[in-house]
Each structure stands twice: as structure tokens, then as C-alpha cells.
Amino acid sequence: MTQKIATTLAAISLIILNVLDTILTLKYIKFGPLDEANPMMALLLQGDGCLFSFLKIFVVTILTFSLWYNRKNKIARSCLYVLSSFYFALLMWWFLVIFLI
């Protein structure tokens, strides 16, 4: 039972952290002083930001649900844990950058 809860929390946190990353990216890269390092995302950010936001949130959410749906598979669980940890570290980097600017 705890493994099911852990994978569900990892999936939920991954989606929430992705939304926060999207908001911070729009605020500090699209309308702020920072530059996007990912060339594909930089291309999407040249527009108004709506397409960027939609694609980023939609794609990550669909992939997260697909990993969560296959949570009985050890690789899918590992991917959820690694990706949620990655997004947590990314948000920590964002807060470091925000408070140093």
C-alpha cells in the first residue's frame, strides 16, 4: 500500500512542480532578465507564451499519467521518482536564482 501512495505522491508532485516551473519560466525568462537554455523551448517562448505553457503542461501531464498508469512496472516507478526529484531540484534552483537576483 505504501508503494502505491509513494508513486501517487510522486506523480502529483511532478505535475505541480511542472506547473510551477512553467510559471517561473514565463515570468523570469519570457518577461524577465534570464534566457532559456533549451533551444526547443526558447523557440516556443518567442511566441506569446500560451503555446509554450499549454505544450509543457500538457505533455508532462500526459507522460506522468502514463507512467503512473504503469506504476506496477519497476522502470515506470523509477522514472516517476527520478523525474519528481529532478523537478524538485529544478524548483530549488529557481528559488536560488530568484533570491539572488
N, C-alpha and C. Protein backbone atom coordinates (compact mmCIF):
# COMPACT_ATOMS: atom_id res chain seq x y z
N MET A 1 0.81 -1.20 0.00
CA MET A 1 0.00 0.00 0.00
C MET A 1 0.86 1.26 0.00
N THR A 2 1.98 1.27 0.69
CA THR A 2 2.81 2.47 0.75
C THR A 2 3.47 2.76 -0.59
N GLN A 3 3.74 1.71 -1.37
CA GLN A 3 4.33 1.93 -2.70
C GLN A 3 3.34 2.64 -3.61
N LYS A 4 2.06 2.29 -3.50
CA LYS A 4 1.02 2.94 -4.30
C LYS A 4 0.91 4.41 -3.91
N ILE A 5 0.97 4.69 -2.62
CA ILE A 5 0.89 6.07 -2.15
C ILE A 5 2.12 6.85 -2.60
N ALA A 6 3.29 6.23 -2.52
CA ALA A 6 4.52 6.92 -2.92
C ALA A 6 4.51 7.27 -4.41
N THR A 7 4.06 6.35 -5.25
CA THR A 7 4.03 6.64 -6.68
C THR A 7 2.96 7.69 -7.00
N THR A 8 1.85 7.65 -6.29
CA THR A 8 0.82 8.67 -6.50
C THR A 8 1.32 10.04 -6.08
N LEU A 9 2.00 10.12 -4.94
CA LEU A 9 2.57 11.40 -4.49
C LEU A 9 3.64 11.89 -5.46
N ALA A 10 4.45 10.98 -5.98
CA ALA A 10 5.47 11.36 -6.96
C ALA A 10 4.83 11.92 -8.22
N ALA A 11 3.75 11.30 -8.67
CA ALA A 11 3.06 11.77 -9.88
C ALA A 11 2.41 13.14 -9.63
N ILE A 12 1.76 13.30 -8.50
CA ILE A 12 1.12 14.58 -8.19
C ILE A 12 2.16 15.68 -8.04
N SER A 13 3.23 15.39 -7.34
CA SER A 13 4.28 16.40 -7.16
C SER A 13 4.94 16.76 -8.49
N LEU A 14 5.10 15.79 -9.36
CA LEU A 14 5.69 16.05 -10.68
C LEU A 14 4.82 17.02 -11.47
N ILE A 15 3.52 16.83 -11.45
CA ILE A 15 2.62 17.73 -12.18
C ILE A 15 2.63 19.12 -11.56
N ILE A 16 2.55 19.20 -10.24
CA ILE A 16 2.55 20.51 -9.55
C ILE A 16 3.86 21.24 -9.78
N LEU A 17 4.98 20.53 -9.64
CA LEU A 17 6.28 21.17 -9.84
C LEU A 17 6.47 21.61 -11.28
N ASN A 18 5.92 20.87 -12.23
CA ASN A 18 6.00 21.27 -13.63
C ASN A 18 5.22 22.55 -13.87
N VAL A 19 4.04 22.67 -13.26
CA VAL A 19 3.25 23.90 -13.41
C VAL A 19 4.01 25.09 -12.81
N LEU A 20 4.60 24.89 -11.65
CA LEU A 20 5.39 25.96 -11.03
C LEU A 20 6.59 26.34 -11.89
N ASP A 21 7.25 25.35 -12.47
CA ASP A 21 8.37 25.61 -13.36
C ASP A 21 7.92 26.40 -14.59
N THR A 22 6.75 26.08 -15.11
CA THR A 22 6.21 26.80 -16.26
C THR A 22 5.95 28.26 -15.92
N ILE A 23 5.35 28.49 -14.77
CA ILE A 23 5.06 29.86 -14.33
C ILE A 23 6.35 30.65 -14.15
N LEU A 24 7.31 30.06 -13.47
CA LEU A 24 8.59 30.75 -13.24
C LEU A 24 9.35 30.98 -14.54
N THR A 25 9.27 30.03 -15.46
CA THR A 25 9.92 30.20 -16.75
C THR A 25 9.31 31.38 -17.50
N LEU A 26 8.00 31.46 -17.50
CA LEU A 26 7.36 32.58 -18.18
C LEU A 26 7.71 33.91 -17.52
N LYS A 27 7.70 33.94 -16.21
CA LYS A 27 7.96 35.18 -15.50
C LYS A 27 9.41 35.66 -15.65
N TYR A 28 10.35 34.76 -15.49
CA TYR A 28 11.75 35.19 -15.44
C TYR A 28 12.51 35.01 -16.75
N ILE A 29 11.98 34.23 -17.69
CA ILE A 29 12.66 34.07 -18.97
C ILE A 29 11.93 34.84 -20.06
N LYS A 30 10.64 34.61 -20.19
CA LYS A 30 9.87 35.30 -21.24
C LYS A 30 9.77 36.79 -20.96
N PHE A 31 9.45 37.15 -19.73
CA PHE A 31 9.24 38.56 -19.39
C PHE A 31 10.30 39.11 -18.45
N GLY A 32 11.38 38.38 -18.24
CA GLY A 32 12.40 38.81 -17.30
C GLY A 32 13.80 38.81 -17.89
N PRO A 33 14.78 38.82 -17.01
CA PRO A 33 16.16 39.00 -17.45
C PRO A 33 16.90 37.72 -17.86
N LEU A 34 16.31 36.56 -17.72
CA LEU A 34 17.03 35.31 -17.97
C LEU A 34 16.78 34.79 -19.39
N ASP A 35 17.64 33.87 -19.84
CA ASP A 35 17.50 33.25 -21.16
C ASP A 35 17.21 31.77 -21.00
N GLU A 36 16.47 31.21 -21.95
CA GLU A 36 16.16 29.78 -21.95
C GLU A 36 17.33 29.02 -22.57
N ALA A 37 17.81 27.99 -21.89
CA ALA A 37 18.94 27.20 -22.37
C ALA A 37 18.51 26.14 -23.37
N ASN A 38 17.27 25.66 -23.26
CA ASN A 38 16.77 24.63 -24.16
C ASN A 38 16.33 25.28 -25.47
N PRO A 39 16.97 24.94 -26.60
CA PRO A 39 16.63 25.61 -27.86
C PRO A 39 15.18 25.39 -28.31
N MET A 40 14.62 24.21 -28.05
CA MET A 40 13.23 23.97 -28.45
C MET A 40 12.27 24.83 -27.63
N MET A 41 12.52 24.93 -26.34
CA MET A 41 11.66 25.74 -25.50
C MET A 41 11.87 27.23 -25.80
N ALA A 42 13.09 27.62 -26.14
CA ALA A 42 13.35 29.01 -26.50
C ALA A 42 12.57 29.39 -27.75
N LEU A 43 12.47 28.47 -28.69
CA LEU A 43 11.69 28.72 -29.90
C LEU A 43 10.21 28.90 -29.57
N LEU A 44 9.69 28.06 -28.68
CA LEU A 44 8.29 28.20 -28.27
C LEU A 44 8.04 29.49 -27.48
N LEU A 45 9.05 29.93 -26.74
CA LEU A 45 8.90 31.14 -25.93
C LEU A 45 8.93 32.41 -26.77
N GLN A 46 9.34 32.31 -28.03
CA GLN A 46 9.36 33.50 -28.89
C GLN A 46 7.94 33.98 -29.18
N GLY A 47 6.98 33.10 -29.07
CA GLY A 47 5.58 33.48 -29.27
C GLY A 47 5.04 34.20 -28.05
N ASP A 48 3.75 34.05 -27.81
CA ASP A 48 3.13 34.76 -26.70
C ASP A 48 3.21 34.02 -25.37
N GLY A 49 3.69 32.82 -25.38
CA GLY A 49 3.84 32.06 -24.14
C GLY A 49 2.70 31.10 -23.87
N CYS A 50 1.56 31.29 -24.51
CA CYS A 50 0.41 30.39 -24.30
C CYS A 50 0.68 29.00 -24.87
N LEU A 51 1.23 28.95 -26.07
CA LEU A 51 1.54 27.66 -26.68
C LEU A 51 2.61 26.94 -25.86
N PHE A 52 3.62 27.68 -25.42
CA PHE A 52 4.66 27.11 -24.57
C PHE A 52 4.04 26.50 -23.31
N SER A 53 3.21 27.28 -22.63
CA SER A 53 2.59 26.81 -21.38
C SER A 53 1.73 25.58 -21.62
N PHE A 54 0.88 25.64 -22.65
CA PHE A 54 0.00 24.52 -22.93
C PHE A 54 0.79 23.26 -23.23
N LEU A 55 1.76 23.36 -24.14
CA LEU A 55 2.52 22.17 -24.52
C LEU A 55 3.31 21.60 -23.36
N LYS A 56 3.95 22.46 -22.60
CA LYS A 56 4.77 21.99 -21.48
C LYS A 56 3.91 21.28 -20.43
N ILE A 57 2.82 21.89 -20.06
CA ILE A 57 1.96 21.30 -19.04
C ILE A 57 1.26 20.06 -19.59
N PHE A 58 0.74 20.12 -20.81
CA PHE A 58 0.01 19.01 -21.39
C PHE A 58 0.90 17.79 -21.58
N VAL A 59 2.07 17.97 -22.18
CA VAL A 59 2.96 16.84 -22.46
C VAL A 59 3.43 16.17 -21.18
N VAL A 60 3.88 16.98 -20.23
CA VAL A 60 4.37 16.39 -18.97
C VAL A 60 3.24 15.70 -18.22
N THR A 61 2.05 16.27 -18.22
CA THR A 61 0.92 15.65 -17.53
C THR A 61 0.53 14.32 -18.18
N ILE A 62 0.46 14.28 -19.50
CA ILE A 62 0.12 13.03 -20.20
C ILE A 62 1.19 11.97 -19.92
N LEU A 63 2.45 12.34 -20.00
CA LEU A 63 3.52 11.37 -19.74
C LEU A 63 3.52 10.91 -18.28
N THR A 64 3.21 11.81 -17.38
CA THR A 64 3.13 11.45 -15.96
C THR A 64 2.00 10.46 -15.72
N PHE A 65 0.84 10.72 -16.30
CA PHE A 65 -0.28 9.78 -16.15
C PHE A 65 0.05 8.42 -16.76
N SER A 66 0.77 8.44 -17.87
CA SER A 66 1.14 7.16 -18.48
C SER A 66 2.11 6.38 -17.59
N LEU A 67 3.06 7.07 -16.97
CA LEU A 67 3.96 6.40 -16.02
C LEU A 67 3.19 5.92 -14.80
N TRP A 68 2.28 6.74 -14.30
CA TRP A 68 1.51 6.35 -13.13
C TRP A 68 0.61 5.16 -13.43
N TYR A 69 0.02 5.15 -14.62
CA TYR A 69 -0.84 4.04 -15.02
C TYR A 69 -0.06 2.72 -15.03
N ASN A 70 1.21 2.80 -15.40
CA ASN A 70 2.08 1.61 -15.45
C ASN A 70 2.94 1.49 -14.20
N ARG A 71 2.44 1.99 -13.08
CA ARG A 71 3.23 2.05 -11.85
C ARG A 71 3.63 0.69 -11.29
N LYS A 72 3.02 -0.39 -11.76
CA LYS A 72 3.43 -1.72 -11.31
C LYS A 72 4.76 -2.12 -11.93
N ASN A 73 5.11 -1.47 -13.01
CA ASN A 73 6.39 -1.70 -13.66
C ASN A 73 7.48 -0.94 -12.90
N LYS A 74 8.56 -1.61 -12.57
CA LYS A 74 9.62 -1.01 -11.77
C LYS A 74 10.27 0.17 -12.50
N ILE A 75 10.41 0.08 -13.81
CA ILE A 75 11.03 1.17 -14.56
C ILE A 75 10.13 2.41 -14.53
N ALA A 76 8.83 2.24 -14.67
CA ALA A 76 7.90 3.37 -14.63
C ALA A 76 7.95 4.04 -13.26
N ARG A 77 7.96 3.24 -12.19
CA ARG A 77 8.07 3.81 -10.84
C ARG A 77 9.37 4.57 -10.67
N SER A 78 10.45 3.99 -11.13
CA SER A 78 11.75 4.65 -11.02
C SER A 78 11.76 5.97 -11.78
N CYS A 79 11.16 5.97 -12.96
CA CYS A 79 11.08 7.20 -13.74
C CYS A 79 10.29 8.28 -13.01
N LEU A 80 9.18 7.89 -12.38
CA LEU A 80 8.40 8.86 -11.61
C LEU A 80 9.22 9.45 -10.47
N TYR A 81 9.93 8.60 -9.76
CA TYR A 81 10.74 9.08 -8.63
C TYR A 81 11.87 9.98 -9.10
N VAL A 82 12.54 9.58 -10.16
CA VAL A 82 13.67 10.37 -10.67
C VAL A 82 13.19 11.71 -11.22
N LEU A 83 12.12 11.70 -12.00
CA LEU A 83 11.60 12.94 -12.58
C LEU A 83 11.06 13.90 -11.53
N SER A 84 10.37 13.37 -10.53
CA SER A 84 9.88 14.26 -9.48
C SER A 84 11.05 14.84 -8.67
N SER A 85 12.09 14.05 -8.46
CA SER A 85 13.30 14.56 -7.79
C SER A 85 13.99 15.62 -8.64
N PHE A 86 14.03 15.38 -9.95
CA PHE A 86 14.63 16.35 -10.86
C PHE A 86 13.87 17.68 -10.82
N TYR A 87 12.55 17.60 -10.88
CA TYR A 87 11.75 18.84 -10.85
C TYR A 87 11.85 19.53 -9.50
N PHE A 88 11.98 18.77 -8.42
CA PHE A 88 12.18 19.38 -7.11
C PHE A 88 13.51 20.14 -7.08
N ALA A 89 14.58 19.52 -7.61
CA ALA A 89 15.88 20.19 -7.68
C ALA A 89 15.80 21.42 -8.58
N LEU A 90 15.06 21.33 -9.67
CA LEU A 90 14.90 22.46 -10.57
C LEU A 90 14.20 23.62 -9.87
N LEU A 91 13.18 23.31 -9.08
CA LEU A 91 12.49 24.38 -8.34
C LEU A 91 13.39 24.99 -7.27
N MET A 92 14.23 24.18 -6.65
CA MET A 92 15.19 24.72 -5.69
C MET A 92 16.16 25.67 -6.40
N TRP A 93 16.56 25.31 -7.62
CA TRP A 93 17.43 26.19 -8.41
C TRP A 93 16.70 27.49 -8.72
N TRP A 94 15.41 27.40 -9.09
CA TRP A 94 14.64 28.60 -9.37
C TRP A 94 14.60 29.53 -8.16
N PHE A 95 14.35 28.98 -6.99
CA PHE A 95 14.28 29.83 -5.81
C PHE A 95 15.65 30.42 -5.46
N LEU A 96 16.69 29.69 -5.73
CA LEU A 96 18.05 30.23 -5.55
C LEU A 96 18.28 31.40 -6.49
N VAL A 97 17.91 31.24 -7.75
CA VAL A 97 18.08 32.31 -8.73
C VAL A 97 17.21 33.52 -8.38
N ILE A 98 15.98 33.27 -7.98
CA ILE A 98 15.07 34.37 -7.66
C ILE A 98 15.59 35.21 -6.50
N PHE A 99 16.09 34.54 -5.48
CA PHE A 99 16.55 35.30 -4.31
C PHE A 99 17.94 35.89 -4.49
N LEU A 100 18.66 35.47 -5.52
CA LEU A 100 19.96 36.08 -5.79
C LEU A 100 19.89 37.21 -6.80
N ILE A 101 18.74 37.31 -7.51
CA ILE A 101 18.59 38.40 -8.49
C ILE A 101 18.19 39.68 -7.80
